[in-house]
């Protein structure tokens, strides 16, 4: 049975509220006939002539612009600016999730990001909750673009399990709340099976955390970046 999460966008936004930042740029484009609004975090002193590592991030819940803004501000912005990363996050263009109908914007969305920005190496892919499912889904469909894959929480689910072998070249990272039993059990089982089969996968159970891991409470943001940078 496919794992789903029905987090309310208002509850998510309220629990993670933080001030807006002028350093997050909002853009729009049309991909596969769908108008997509997305946001970009740029490194400090960004130079378009230079290459930077890129993280493609999927937010959770209904994957709206409001929720992805909070995800970027709370989970990614400070570390990305400090370490010199570009972080890109699209909002759902049609009310569907990115592991369902909204995935039709790929791979053209990725190809456009690679035209706009000079990207160093392959892209890093991450997401939480519905975004974690989306990250694993997109990685399974288009593995050639990615070097690392992070779900916090997130895992490979449903029909995508048939494509699991394409993830073997990547570095895989999972984070799940100690107090998130359904997701924790599924992720621990999947990580154990993948590790046994030789996948490069790490799973961390975040102490006292529920489904939506609160990054500031457990110093998650620098650890996510440390994991990305550990992949060789």
Protein backbone atom coordinates (compact mmCIF):
# COMPACT_ATOMS: atom_id res chain seq x y z
CA UNK A 1 0.00 0.00 0.00
CA UNK A 2 1.33 3.44 -0.93
CA UNK A 3 2.35 5.56 2.02
CA UNK A 4 0.63 8.96 2.02
CA UNK A 5 0.62 12.01 4.23
CA UNK A 6 -2.24 14.49 4.50
CA UNK A 7 -0.58 17.32 6.39
CA UNK A 8 -2.58 20.53 6.38
CA UNK A 9 -0.72 23.37 4.78
CA UNK A 10 -1.81 25.82 7.46
CA UNK A 11 -0.54 23.60 10.25
CA UNK A 12 2.76 23.04 8.53
CA UNK A 13 3.30 26.71 7.80
CA UNK A 14 2.41 27.73 11.33
CA UNK A 15 4.74 25.22 12.92
CA UNK A 16 7.67 26.35 10.82
CA UNK A 17 7.01 30.06 10.43
CA UNK A 18 10.01 32.27 9.81
CA UNK A 19 10.60 35.70 8.28
CA UNK A 20 10.61 36.05 4.53
CA UNK A 21 13.93 36.66 2.87
CA UNK A 22 14.73 38.85 -0.13
CA UNK A 23 17.50 36.40 -1.02
CA UNK A 24 14.99 33.81 -2.20
CA UNK A 25 14.09 34.60 -5.81
CA UNK A 26 10.67 33.70 -7.24
CA UNK A 27 10.50 32.68 -10.90
CA UNK A 28 8.05 31.20 -13.36
CA UNK A 29 8.29 29.03 -16.44
CA UNK A 30 6.20 26.71 -18.58
CA UNK A 31 7.13 23.03 -18.70
CA UNK A 32 5.15 20.33 -20.53
CA UNK A 33 2.37 22.88 -20.96
CA UNK A 34 2.11 23.68 -17.24
CA UNK A 35 2.95 27.06 -15.73
CA UNK A 36 5.29 26.45 -12.79
CA UNK A 37 6.23 28.90 -10.04
CA UNK A 38 9.47 28.04 -8.33
CA UNK A 39 11.90 29.61 -5.91
CA UNK A 40 15.66 29.73 -5.90
CA UNK A 41 18.18 30.29 -3.11
CA UNK A 42 21.44 31.68 -4.46
CA UNK A 43 24.82 31.71 -2.73
CA UNK A 44 26.09 34.93 -1.25
CA UNK A 45 27.94 36.99 -3.87
CA UNK A 46 26.48 34.77 -6.58
CA UNK A 47 28.40 34.98 -9.86
CA UNK A 48 26.57 33.67 -12.93
CA UNK A 49 29.89 32.86 -14.58
CA UNK A 50 30.84 30.41 -11.83
CA UNK A 51 29.57 26.87 -11.27
CA UNK A 52 27.88 25.82 -8.03
CA UNK A 53 26.43 22.61 -6.63
CA UNK A 54 22.64 22.47 -6.84
CA UNK A 55 19.97 20.92 -4.61
CA UNK A 56 16.49 20.29 -5.98
CA UNK A 57 14.08 20.31 -3.02
CA UNK A 58 10.47 19.14 -2.86
CA UNK A 59 8.29 20.44 -0.06
CA UNK A 60 5.61 18.44 1.76
CA UNK A 61 1.85 18.65 2.17
CA UNK A 62 0.07 19.85 -0.99
CA UNK A 63 3.39 21.25 -2.25
CA UNK A 64 2.21 24.83 -2.55
CA UNK A 65 4.35 27.94 -2.96
CA UNK A 66 3.65 29.02 0.63
CA UNK A 67 4.87 25.75 2.11
CA UNK A 68 7.94 25.49 -0.12
CA UNK A 69 8.95 29.02 0.88
CA UNK A 70 8.94 27.99 4.53
CA UNK A 71 10.85 24.80 3.71
CA UNK A 72 13.57 26.79 1.97
CA UNK A 73 13.81 29.40 4.70
CA UNK A 74 13.91 26.95 7.60
CA UNK A 75 15.69 23.91 6.19
CA UNK A 76 18.04 25.09 3.44
CA UNK A 77 18.68 28.80 3.01
CA UNK A 78 21.29 29.55 5.67
CA UNK A 79 23.48 26.55 4.89
CA UNK A 80 23.14 26.99 1.13
CA UNK A 81 24.21 30.62 1.28
CA UNK A 82 27.09 29.81 3.61
CA UNK A 83 28.38 26.82 1.66
CA UNK A 84 27.80 28.17 -1.82
CA UNK A 85 24.87 26.10 -3.10
CA UNK A 86 21.99 26.87 -5.44
CA UNK A 87 18.72 25.44 -4.11
CA UNK A 88 15.69 25.18 -6.39
CA UNK A 89 12.16 24.23 -5.31
CA UNK A 90 9.06 24.08 -7.55
CA UNK A 91 5.45 24.45 -6.41
CA UNK A 92 2.83 22.09 -7.79
CA UNK A 93 1.55 23.59 -11.05
CA UNK A 94 -1.83 21.86 -11.07
CA UNK A 95 -2.74 20.89 -7.52
CA UNK A 96 -1.37 17.38 -7.97
CA UNK A 97 1.65 15.99 -6.14
CA UNK A 98 5.05 15.52 -7.73
CA UNK A 99 4.86 11.76 -7.35
CA UNK A 100 1.56 11.85 -9.21
CA UNK A 101 0.40 14.04 -12.12
CA UNK A 102 2.66 17.02 -11.44
CA UNK A 103 5.71 14.93 -12.36
CA UNK A 104 4.97 15.63 -16.04
CA UNK A 105 7.07 18.83 -15.81
CA UNK A 106 10.16 16.62 -15.58
CA UNK A 107 12.72 16.25 -16.99
CA UNK A 108 12.20 19.54 -18.86
CA UNK A 109 12.23 21.50 -15.58
CA UNK A 110 15.63 20.05 -14.70
CA UNK A 111 17.00 20.68 -18.17
CA UNK A 112 15.96 24.33 -17.93
CA UNK A 113 17.69 24.73 -14.54
CA UNK A 114 20.87 23.33 -16.09
CA UNK A 115 20.61 25.94 -18.86
CA UNK A 116 20.00 28.86 -16.49
CA UNK A 117 22.64 27.95 -13.91
CA UNK A 118 26.12 26.52 -14.15
CA UNK A 119 25.87 23.39 -12.02
CA UNK A 120 28.90 21.65 -10.60
CA UNK A 121 28.54 17.89 -10.90
CA UNK A 122 25.20 16.14 -10.70
CA UNK A 123 22.21 17.55 -8.83
CA UNK A 124 21.40 16.66 -5.22
CA UNK A 125 17.76 15.74 -4.64
CA UNK A 126 15.86 16.08 -1.36
CA UNK A 127 12.39 16.39 0.12
CA UNK A 128 10.28 15.91 3.21
CA UNK A 129 7.04 13.95 3.59
CA UNK A 130 5.15 14.17 0.28
CA UNK A 131 8.31 15.89 -0.94
CA UNK A 132 10.37 12.91 0.20
CA UNK A 133 8.13 10.57 -1.78
CA UNK A 134 8.45 12.98 -4.71
CA UNK A 135 12.24 13.05 -4.47
CA UNK A 136 12.49 9.26 -4.55
CA UNK A 137 9.94 9.11 -7.37
CA UNK A 138 11.79 11.59 -9.58
CA UNK A 139 15.15 9.96 -8.79
CA UNK A 140 13.76 6.59 -9.88
CA UNK A 141 12.42 8.06 -13.14
CA UNK A 142 15.45 10.18 -14.06
CA UNK A 143 18.47 8.79 -12.16
CA UNK A 144 21.00 10.15 -14.64
CA UNK A 145 20.64 13.66 -13.19
CA UNK A 146 21.35 12.93 -9.53
CA UNK A 147 24.23 11.98 -7.23
CA UNK A 148 22.53 12.10 -3.81
CA UNK A 149 18.97 11.52 -2.63
CA UNK A 150 17.61 12.56 0.77
CA UNK A 151 14.21 11.92 2.34
CA UNK A 152 13.48 13.56 5.69
CA UNK A 153 11.21 11.63 5.79
CA UNK A 154 10.94 9.90 2.44
CA UNK A 155 11.39 6.56 0.73
CA UNK A 156 10.72 4.67 -2.47
CA UNK A 157 7.08 3.62 -2.57
CA UNK A 158 4.39 2.06 -4.73
CA UNK A 159 5.17 1.16 -8.37
CA UNK A 160 8.52 2.98 -8.11
CA UNK A 161 9.84 0.01 -6.13
CA UNK A 162 10.23 -1.82 -9.43
CA UNK A 163 12.92 0.70 -10.39
CA UNK A 164 14.90 0.48 -7.16
CA UNK A 165 18.09 -0.73 -8.88
CA UNK A 166 18.60 2.65 -10.60
CA UNK A 167 19.29 4.22 -7.17
CA UNK A 168 22.31 2.04 -6.49
CA UNK A 169 24.92 4.50 -7.86
CA UNK A 170 23.60 7.31 -5.61
CA UNK A 171 24.31 8.17 -2.00
CA UNK A 172 21.01 7.75 -0.16
CA UNK A 173 20.08 9.43 3.12
CA UNK A 174 16.96 9.00 5.25
CA UNK A 175 15.84 10.92 8.34
CA UNK A 176 12.68 10.05 10.24
CA UNK A 177 11.16 11.17 13.53
CA UNK A 178 11.36 8.82 16.49
CA UNK A 179 7.67 9.54 17.12
CA UNK A 180 6.57 8.86 13.53
CA UNK A 181 5.93 5.11 13.80
CA UNK A 182 4.33 4.39 10.42
CA UNK A 183 7.00 6.11 8.37
CA UNK A 184 9.79 5.03 10.71
CA UNK A 185 8.96 1.35 10.36
CA UNK A 186 8.67 1.50 6.57
CA UNK A 187 11.88 3.50 6.18
CA UNK A 188 13.89 1.33 8.57
CA UNK A 189 12.78 -1.79 6.73
CA UNK A 190 13.61 -0.33 3.34
CA UNK A 191 16.99 0.99 4.47
CA UNK A 192 17.93 -2.35 6.01
CA UNK A 193 17.01 -4.25 2.84
CA UNK A 194 18.88 -1.81 0.62
CA UNK A 195 21.97 -1.87 2.80
CA UNK A 196 21.97 -5.66 2.68
CA UNK A 197 21.89 -5.44 -1.12
CA UNK A 198 24.88 -3.12 -1.24
CA UNK A 199 23.26 0.29 -1.58
CA UNK A 200 25.03 3.26 -0.03
CA UNK A 201 22.30 4.25 2.38
CA UNK A 202 22.22 5.83 5.83
CA UNK A 203 19.17 6.25 8.04
CA UNK A 204 18.93 8.49 11.10
CA UNK A 205 16.08 8.37 13.61
CA UNK A 206 15.63 11.89 14.97
CA UNK A 207 15.06 11.74 18.72
CA UNK A 208 11.72 13.09 20.02
CA UNK A 209 10.69 14.29 16.55
CA UNK A 210 7.29 13.70 14.96
CA UNK A 211 6.49 13.46 11.24
CA UNK A 212 7.58 16.98 10.31
CA UNK A 213 11.10 17.10 11.65
CA UNK A 214 11.84 20.55 13.08
CA UNK A 215 15.26 21.26 11.68
CA UNK A 216 16.38 23.90 14.24
CA UNK A 217 15.63 21.59 17.18
CA UNK A 218 17.96 18.83 15.97
CA UNK A 219 20.49 20.88 13.98
CA UNK A 220 19.27 19.10 10.87
CA UNK A 221 20.18 21.62 8.17
CA UNK A 222 23.98 21.42 8.52
CA UNK A 223 23.76 17.66 8.85
CA UNK A 224 21.84 17.37 5.58
CA UNK A 225 24.55 19.37 3.85
CA UNK A 226 27.32 17.40 5.54
CA UNK A 227 25.78 14.20 4.21
CA UNK A 228 25.56 15.61 0.69
CA UNK A 229 29.20 16.63 0.85
CA UNK A 230 30.27 13.24 2.20
CA UNK A 231 29.24 11.49 -1.03
CA UNK A 232 32.28 10.66 -3.08
